[in-house]
Amino acid sequence: MEIGDLHFTYGNVAVFAIAAFLLAGVYSFIKQGIKIGALILLVLAGLAFAGGVVWL
């Protein structure tokens, strides 16, 4: 799939899906009061999202 100059592949979509999954984990951890775990997951989600953007 191509939108302008962006080339979406199954790999890109998978990386963004992993980032979204990690963000859902952050929300869950915050609800449970696990702030350190939420911070770690937020960093991992940011890295996954950044990796997906760089991969485009």
Protein backbone atom coordinates (compact mmCIF):
# COMPACT_ATOMS: atom_id res chain seq x y z
CA MET A 1 0.00 0.00 0.00
CA GLU A 2 1.37 3.42 -0.88
CA ILE A 3 0.20 6.80 0.39
CA GLY A 4 2.26 9.62 -1.11
CA ASP A 5 5.86 8.80 -0.35
CA LEU A 6 5.01 6.47 2.54
CA HIS A 7 5.34 2.76 1.83
CA PHE A 8 3.33 0.66 4.26
CA THR A 9 4.39 -2.98 4.40
CA TYR A 10 3.25 -5.79 6.66
CA GLY A 11 6.39 -5.17 8.73
CA ASN A 12 5.52 -1.49 9.28
CA VAL A 13 1.97 -2.34 10.25
CA ALA A 14 3.21 -5.03 12.66
CA VAL A 15 5.61 -2.58 14.35
CA PHE A 16 2.84 -0.01 14.78
CA ALA A 17 0.51 -2.73 16.12
CA ILE A 18 3.16 -3.69 18.70
CA ALA A 19 3.44 -0.02 19.72
CA ALA A 20 -0.34 0.19 20.14
CA PHE A 21 -0.35 -3.04 22.18
CA LEU A 22 2.37 -1.64 24.45
CA LEU A 23 0.39 1.58 24.91
CA ALA A 24 -2.61 -0.49 25.99
CA GLY A 25 -0.31 -2.16 28.53
CA VAL A 26 0.76 1.27 29.80
CA TYR A 27 -2.89 2.17 30.42
CA SER A 28 -3.48 -1.12 32.22
CA PHE A 29 -0.40 -0.71 34.41
CA ILE A 30 -1.40 2.85 35.36
CA LYS A 31 -4.88 1.63 36.32
CA GLN A 32 -3.26 -1.00 38.57
CA GLY A 33 -0.91 1.56 40.09
CA ILE A 34 2.29 0.06 38.63
CA LYS A 35 3.96 3.32 37.66
CA ILE A 36 7.52 2.00 37.06
CA GLY A 37 6.24 -0.75 34.77
CA ALA A 38 4.07 1.78 32.92
CA LEU A 39 7.10 4.02 32.39
CA ILE A 40 9.17 1.13 31.03
CA LEU A 41 6.34 0.10 28.68
CA LEU A 42 5.92 3.70 27.53
CA VAL A 43 9.61 3.85 26.61
CA LEU A 44 9.34 0.54 24.72
CA ALA A 45 6.22 1.77 22.90
CA GLY A 46 8.07 4.95 21.93
CA LEU A 47 10.99 2.92 20.59
CA ALA A 48 8.66 0.64 18.62
CA PHE A 49 6.81 3.63 17.14
CA ALA A 50 10.07 5.39 16.29
CA GLY A 51 11.34 2.19 14.66
CA GLY A 52 8.19 2.01 12.56
CA VAL A 53 8.57 5.63 11.47
CA VAL A 54 12.24 5.16 10.57
CA TRP A 55 11.38 1.96 8.68
CA LEU A 56 8.87 3.84 6.45
